[in-house]
Amino acid sequence: MSKHYDLEERTETFAKRCRDFVRKLAKDLTNLEYSRQLIRASGSVGANYIEANEALGKKDFLMRIKISRKESKESRYWLRLIIPGDGQQQEQEWLVQEATELMMIFSAILRKAQGEQG
């Protein structure tokens, strides 16, 4: 298995776990709005990573990785604002940690790619 595939799978798992987490939340106005934002951001992490792997050039690759990092950070933000239901706090904490780790991975990819560039 290639590293690209592993990270594609990891970002997909993150998006799916965010989706499943949201499905179990209380359906109040606040959680509904935060959930919509979380679903968009968490799905965008992996979608942009896949696009980065198909990039037309170095500039396109860097832009897509930056977007993946930004969406990871945004996912973490929405996760922190959501009010978890009973028994959901542990999953929320795992998702926040995963979003943080993804952010760090994308930052490392950027540093390495930019180092190779200049």
N, C-alpha and C. Protein backbone atom coordinates (compact mmCIF):
# COMPACT_ATOMS: atom_id res chain seq x y z
N MET A 1 0.84 -1.19 0.00
CA MET A 1 0.00 0.00 0.00
C MET A 1 0.88 1.25 0.00
N SER A 2 0.57 2.20 -0.86
CA SER A 2 1.35 3.44 -0.91
C SER A 2 0.92 4.39 0.21
N LYS A 3 1.80 5.32 0.50
CA LYS A 3 1.48 6.32 1.53
C LYS A 3 0.30 7.16 1.10
N HIS A 4 0.21 7.50 -0.20
CA HIS A 4 -0.91 8.29 -0.68
C HIS A 4 -2.23 7.58 -0.38
N TYR A 5 -2.26 6.28 -0.65
CA TYR A 5 -3.47 5.52 -0.41
C TYR A 5 -3.82 5.51 1.07
N ASP A 6 -2.83 5.35 1.93
CA ASP A 6 -3.09 5.32 3.37
C ASP A 6 -3.73 6.62 3.84
N LEU A 7 -3.21 7.76 3.37
CA LEU A 7 -3.76 9.04 3.78
C LEU A 7 -5.13 9.29 3.14
N GLU A 8 -5.32 8.81 1.93
CA GLU A 8 -6.65 8.91 1.31
C GLU A 8 -7.66 8.13 2.15
N GLU A 9 -7.28 6.94 2.55
CA GLU A 9 -8.16 6.11 3.37
C GLU A 9 -8.41 6.76 4.74
N ARG A 10 -7.37 7.32 5.32
CA ARG A 10 -7.50 7.96 6.64
C ARG A 10 -8.42 9.17 6.57
N THR A 11 -8.29 9.99 5.52
CA THR A 11 -9.16 11.16 5.41
C THR A 11 -10.60 10.75 5.13
N GLU A 12 -10.78 9.67 4.39
CA GLU A 12 -12.13 9.15 4.14
C GLU A 12 -12.75 8.65 5.44
N THR A 13 -11.98 7.94 6.23
CA THR A 13 -12.47 7.45 7.52
C THR A 13 -12.85 8.61 8.43
N PHE A 14 -12.03 9.66 8.42
CA PHE A 14 -12.32 10.85 9.22
C PHE A 14 -13.66 11.45 8.81
N ALA A 15 -13.88 11.62 7.51
CA ALA A 15 -15.14 12.19 7.02
C ALA A 15 -16.34 11.31 7.40
N LYS A 16 -16.17 9.99 7.27
CA LYS A 16 -17.26 9.07 7.61
C LYS A 16 -17.57 9.11 9.10
N ARG A 17 -16.53 9.18 9.94
CA ARG A 17 -16.77 9.24 11.39
C ARG A 17 -17.41 10.56 11.79
N CYS A 18 -17.06 11.65 11.09
CA CYS A 18 -17.72 12.93 11.33
C CYS A 18 -19.20 12.82 10.97
N ARG A 19 -19.48 12.20 9.82
CA ARG A 19 -20.86 11.99 9.38
C ARG A 19 -21.65 11.19 10.42
N ASP A 20 -21.07 10.09 10.89
CA ASP A 20 -21.75 9.24 11.86
C ASP A 20 -21.95 9.96 13.19
N PHE A 21 -20.96 10.76 13.59
CA PHE A 21 -21.05 11.56 14.82
C PHE A 21 -22.22 12.54 14.72
N VAL A 22 -22.32 13.22 13.60
CA VAL A 22 -23.36 14.22 13.38
C VAL A 22 -24.75 13.58 13.39
N ARG A 23 -24.87 12.39 12.83
CA ARG A 23 -26.17 11.71 12.77
C ARG A 23 -26.75 11.45 14.15
N LYS A 24 -25.90 11.34 15.16
CA LYS A 24 -26.36 11.01 16.51
C LYS A 24 -26.55 12.25 17.40
N LEU A 25 -26.25 13.43 16.87
CA LEU A 25 -26.37 14.66 17.66
C LEU A 25 -27.83 15.06 17.87
N ALA A 26 -28.04 15.82 18.96
CA ALA A 26 -29.35 16.44 19.17
C ALA A 26 -29.60 17.40 18.01
N LYS A 27 -30.82 17.44 17.52
CA LYS A 27 -31.15 18.24 16.34
C LYS A 27 -31.59 19.66 16.71
N ASP A 28 -30.79 20.34 17.54
CA ASP A 28 -31.14 21.73 17.84
C ASP A 28 -30.53 22.64 16.78
N LEU A 29 -30.96 23.89 16.75
CA LEU A 29 -30.56 24.84 15.71
C LEU A 29 -29.04 25.00 15.64
N THR A 30 -28.40 25.12 16.78
CA THR A 30 -26.95 25.32 16.82
C THR A 30 -26.22 24.12 16.24
N ASN A 31 -26.52 22.94 16.73
CA ASN A 31 -25.84 21.74 16.24
C ASN A 31 -26.11 21.50 14.76
N LEU A 32 -27.30 21.81 14.31
CA LEU A 32 -27.61 21.61 12.89
C LEU A 32 -26.70 22.47 12.01
N GLU A 33 -26.54 23.73 12.38
CA GLU A 33 -25.69 24.63 11.58
C GLU A 33 -24.22 24.22 11.67
N TYR A 34 -23.74 23.94 12.87
CA TYR A 34 -22.34 23.52 13.04
C TYR A 34 -22.09 22.20 12.32
N SER A 35 -23.07 21.32 12.36
CA SER A 35 -22.94 20.01 11.70
C SER A 35 -22.80 20.15 10.20
N ARG A 36 -23.59 21.04 9.61
CA ARG A 36 -23.49 21.28 8.16
C ARG A 36 -22.07 21.73 7.80
N GLN A 37 -21.56 22.64 8.59
CA GLN A 37 -20.21 23.16 8.34
C GLN A 37 -19.17 22.05 8.50
N LEU A 38 -19.34 21.23 9.54
CA LEU A 38 -18.41 20.12 9.79
C LEU A 38 -18.42 19.12 8.64
N ILE A 39 -19.60 18.77 8.16
CA ILE A 39 -19.70 17.79 7.07
C ILE A 39 -18.99 18.31 5.82
N ARG A 40 -19.19 19.58 5.51
CA ARG A 40 -18.51 20.17 4.34
C ARG A 40 -17.00 20.15 4.51
N ALA A 41 -16.53 20.62 5.66
CA ALA A 41 -15.09 20.73 5.89
C ALA A 41 -14.43 19.35 5.96
N SER A 42 -15.03 18.42 6.68
CA SER A 42 -14.40 17.11 6.85
C SER A 42 -14.33 16.35 5.53
N GLY A 43 -15.34 16.49 4.69
CA GLY A 43 -15.31 15.85 3.38
C GLY A 43 -14.30 16.50 2.45
N SER A 44 -14.11 17.78 2.60
CA SER A 44 -13.19 18.53 1.76
C SER A 44 -11.73 18.19 2.04
N VAL A 45 -11.43 17.76 3.25
CA VAL A 45 -10.05 17.37 3.60
C VAL A 45 -9.56 16.31 2.62
N GLY A 46 -10.27 15.21 2.53
CA GLY A 46 -9.86 14.10 1.67
C GLY A 46 -10.03 14.40 0.19
N ALA A 47 -11.09 15.12 -0.16
CA ALA A 47 -11.32 15.44 -1.57
C ALA A 47 -10.16 16.26 -2.13
N ASN A 48 -9.69 17.23 -1.36
CA ASN A 48 -8.58 18.05 -1.82
C ASN A 48 -7.27 17.29 -1.80
N TYR A 49 -7.12 16.36 -0.88
CA TYR A 49 -5.92 15.53 -0.88
C TYR A 49 -5.87 14.66 -2.14
N ILE A 50 -6.99 14.09 -2.51
CA ILE A 50 -7.06 13.30 -3.74
C ILE A 50 -6.72 14.19 -4.94
N GLU A 51 -7.26 15.39 -4.95
CA GLU A 51 -6.95 16.33 -6.03
C GLU A 51 -5.46 16.67 -6.05
N ALA A 52 -4.85 16.79 -4.89
CA ALA A 52 -3.42 17.08 -4.82
C ALA A 52 -2.61 15.97 -5.47
N ASN A 53 -3.04 14.75 -5.26
CA ASN A 53 -2.33 13.61 -5.84
C ASN A 53 -2.49 13.54 -7.35
N GLU A 54 -3.47 14.23 -7.88
CA GLU A 54 -3.70 14.28 -9.33
C GLU A 54 -3.30 15.65 -9.89
N ALA A 55 -2.58 16.41 -9.10
CA ALA A 55 -2.24 17.79 -9.48
C ALA A 55 -1.52 17.87 -10.81
N LEU A 56 -1.76 18.98 -11.48
CA LEU A 56 -1.16 19.22 -12.79
C LEU A 56 0.27 19.74 -12.67
N GLY A 57 0.64 20.21 -11.52
CA GLY A 57 1.99 20.73 -11.31
C GLY A 57 2.22 20.99 -9.84
N LYS A 58 3.42 21.45 -9.53
CA LYS A 58 3.82 21.70 -8.14
C LYS A 58 2.93 22.76 -7.47
N LYS A 59 2.64 23.83 -8.20
CA LYS A 59 1.83 24.92 -7.65
C LYS A 59 0.42 24.42 -7.28
N ASP A 60 -0.17 23.63 -8.17
CA ASP A 60 -1.50 23.05 -7.93
C ASP A 60 -1.45 22.11 -6.73
N PHE A 61 -0.40 21.28 -6.66
CA PHE A 61 -0.23 20.36 -5.54
C PHE A 61 -0.19 21.12 -4.21
N LEU A 62 0.65 22.15 -4.15
CA LEU A 62 0.79 22.93 -2.93
C LEU A 62 -0.52 23.59 -2.52
N MET A 63 -1.26 24.12 -3.49
CA MET A 63 -2.53 24.76 -3.20
C MET A 63 -3.52 23.75 -2.61
N ARG A 64 -3.60 22.57 -3.19
CA ARG A 64 -4.55 21.55 -2.70
C ARG A 64 -4.18 21.06 -1.29
N ILE A 65 -2.89 20.90 -1.04
CA ILE A 65 -2.45 20.49 0.30
C ILE A 65 -2.77 21.58 1.32
N LYS A 66 -2.59 22.84 0.92
CA LYS A 66 -2.93 23.96 1.82
C LYS A 66 -4.43 23.96 2.12
N ILE A 67 -5.24 23.65 1.12
CA ILE A 67 -6.69 23.59 1.34
C ILE A 67 -7.03 22.43 2.27
N SER A 68 -6.40 21.28 2.09
CA SER A 68 -6.63 20.14 2.99
C SER A 68 -6.28 20.52 4.43
N ARG A 69 -5.16 21.22 4.60
CA ARG A 69 -4.76 21.65 5.94
C ARG A 69 -5.78 22.63 6.52
N LYS A 70 -6.23 23.57 5.70
CA LYS A 70 -7.21 24.56 6.15
C LYS A 70 -8.53 23.88 6.54
N GLU A 71 -8.96 22.92 5.74
CA GLU A 71 -10.22 22.22 6.03
C GLU A 71 -10.10 21.33 7.27
N SER A 72 -8.91 20.80 7.53
CA SER A 72 -8.68 20.04 8.76
C SER A 72 -8.83 20.95 9.97
N LYS A 73 -8.24 22.13 9.85
CA LYS A 73 -8.31 23.12 10.93
C LYS A 73 -9.76 23.57 11.15
N GLU A 74 -10.47 23.78 10.05
CA GLU A 74 -11.87 24.19 10.15
C GLU A 74 -12.72 23.08 10.76
N SER A 75 -12.47 21.84 10.38
CA SER A 75 -13.20 20.70 10.97
C SER A 75 -13.01 20.68 12.48
N ARG A 76 -11.78 20.88 12.90
CA ARG A 76 -11.48 20.90 14.35
C ARG A 76 -12.29 22.00 15.04
N TYR A 77 -12.35 23.15 14.41
CA TYR A 77 -13.09 24.28 14.97
C TYR A 77 -14.57 23.93 15.17
N TRP A 78 -15.21 23.40 14.12
CA TRP A 78 -16.63 23.05 14.22
C TRP A 78 -16.85 21.94 15.24
N LEU A 79 -15.95 20.98 15.29
CA LEU A 79 -16.06 19.91 16.28
C LEU A 79 -16.04 20.44 17.70
N ARG A 80 -15.22 21.44 17.93
CA ARG A 80 -15.13 22.03 19.27
C ARG A 80 -16.38 22.81 19.65
N LEU A 81 -17.11 23.32 18.65
CA LEU A 81 -18.31 24.11 18.93
C LEU A 81 -19.56 23.25 19.13
N ILE A 82 -19.56 22.08 18.53
CA ILE A 82 -20.73 21.18 18.64
C ILE A 82 -20.90 20.71 20.08
N ILE A 83 -22.15 20.67 20.51
CA ILE A 83 -22.47 20.17 21.85
C ILE A 83 -22.80 18.68 21.72
N PRO A 84 -21.91 17.81 22.26
CA PRO A 84 -22.13 16.37 22.09
C PRO A 84 -23.28 15.87 22.96
N GLY A 85 -23.88 14.80 22.50
CA GLY A 85 -24.93 14.16 23.28
C GLY A 85 -24.31 13.20 24.30
N ASP A 86 -25.16 12.55 25.06
CA ASP A 86 -24.68 11.57 26.03
C ASP A 86 -23.90 10.48 25.32
N GLY A 87 -22.73 10.16 25.82
CA GLY A 87 -21.92 9.10 25.27
C GLY A 87 -21.16 9.48 24.00
N GLN A 88 -21.22 10.76 23.60
CA GLN A 88 -20.55 11.18 22.37
C GLN A 88 -19.25 11.95 22.61
N GLN A 89 -18.96 12.26 23.85
CA GLN A 89 -17.80 13.08 24.14
C GLN A 89 -16.48 12.41 23.73
N GLN A 90 -16.37 11.12 23.95
CA GLN A 90 -15.14 10.40 23.59
C GLN A 90 -14.92 10.42 22.07
N GLU A 91 -15.99 10.23 21.30
CA GLU A 91 -15.88 10.28 19.84
C GLU A 91 -15.51 11.70 19.39
N GLN A 92 -16.12 12.69 20.02
CA GLN A 92 -15.79 14.08 19.70
C GLN A 92 -14.31 14.36 19.95
N GLU A 93 -13.80 13.90 21.07
CA GLU A 93 -12.38 14.09 21.39
C GLU A 93 -11.49 13.38 20.38
N TRP A 94 -11.87 12.18 19.97
CA TRP A 94 -11.08 11.45 18.96
C TRP A 94 -11.06 12.23 17.65
N LEU A 95 -12.22 12.74 17.23
CA LEU A 95 -12.31 13.49 15.98
C LEU A 95 -11.49 14.78 16.02
N VAL A 96 -11.51 15.47 17.16
CA VAL A 96 -10.70 16.68 17.32
C VAL A 96 -9.22 16.31 17.20
N GLN A 97 -8.83 15.22 17.84
CA GLN A 97 -7.43 14.78 17.78
C GLN A 97 -7.04 14.38 16.35
N GLU A 98 -7.93 13.69 15.66
CA GLU A 98 -7.64 13.29 14.29
C GLU A 98 -7.51 14.50 13.38
N ALA A 99 -8.40 15.48 13.54
CA ALA A 99 -8.31 16.71 12.75
C ALA A 99 -6.97 17.41 13.00
N THR A 100 -6.53 17.41 14.24
CA THR A 100 -5.24 18.02 14.61
C THR A 100 -4.09 17.27 13.95
N GLU A 101 -4.14 15.94 14.01
CA GLU A 101 -3.08 15.14 13.39
C GLU A 101 -3.05 15.32 11.88
N LEU A 102 -4.20 15.38 11.25
CA LEU A 102 -4.26 15.61 9.81
C LEU A 102 -3.65 16.97 9.45
N MET A 103 -3.98 17.97 10.26
CA MET A 103 -3.38 19.30 10.06
C MET A 103 -1.86 19.23 10.09
N MET A 104 -1.34 18.52 11.06
CA MET A 104 0.11 18.40 11.22
C MET A 104 0.72 17.62 10.05
N ILE A 105 0.05 16.59 9.59
CA ILE A 105 0.54 15.82 8.44
C ILE A 105 0.59 16.70 7.20
N PHE A 106 -0.46 17.46 6.96
CA PHE A 106 -0.47 18.33 5.78
C PHE A 106 0.57 19.44 5.89
N SER A 107 0.81 19.92 7.10
CA SER A 107 1.87 20.92 7.31
C SER A 107 3.23 20.33 6.99
N ALA A 108 3.46 19.09 7.39
CA ALA A 108 4.73 18.41 7.11
C ALA A 108 4.90 18.18 5.61
N ILE A 109 3.83 17.79 4.93
CA ILE A 109 3.89 17.60 3.48
C ILE A 109 4.25 18.92 2.80
N LEU A 110 3.63 20.00 3.26
CA LEU A 110 3.92 21.32 2.70
C LEU A 110 5.37 21.72 2.90
N ARG A 111 5.86 21.54 4.12
CA ARG A 111 7.27 21.90 4.43
C ARG A 111 8.23 21.12 3.51
N LYS A 112 7.96 19.84 3.39
CA LYS A 112 8.83 19.00 2.55
C LYS A 112 8.75 19.42 1.08
N ALA A 113 7.54 19.63 0.58
CA ALA A 113 7.37 20.00 -0.83
C ALA A 113 7.96 21.38 -1.11
N GLN A 114 7.79 22.29 -0.18
CA GLN A 114 8.35 23.63 -0.38
C GLN A 114 9.87 23.63 -0.26
N GLY A 115 10.39 22.73 0.57
CA GLY A 115 11.83 22.58 0.69
C GLY A 115 12.45 22.05 -0.58
N GLU A 116 11.73 21.16 -1.23
CA GLU A 116 12.19 20.59 -2.50
C GLU A 116 12.10 21.61 -3.63
N GLN A 117 11.16 22.54 -3.46
CA GLN A 117 10.92 23.54 -4.50
C GLN A 117 12.01 24.60 -4.54
N GLY A 118 12.43 25.07 -3.34
CA GLY A 118 13.34 26.20 -3.33
C GLY A 118 14.68 25.83 -2.86
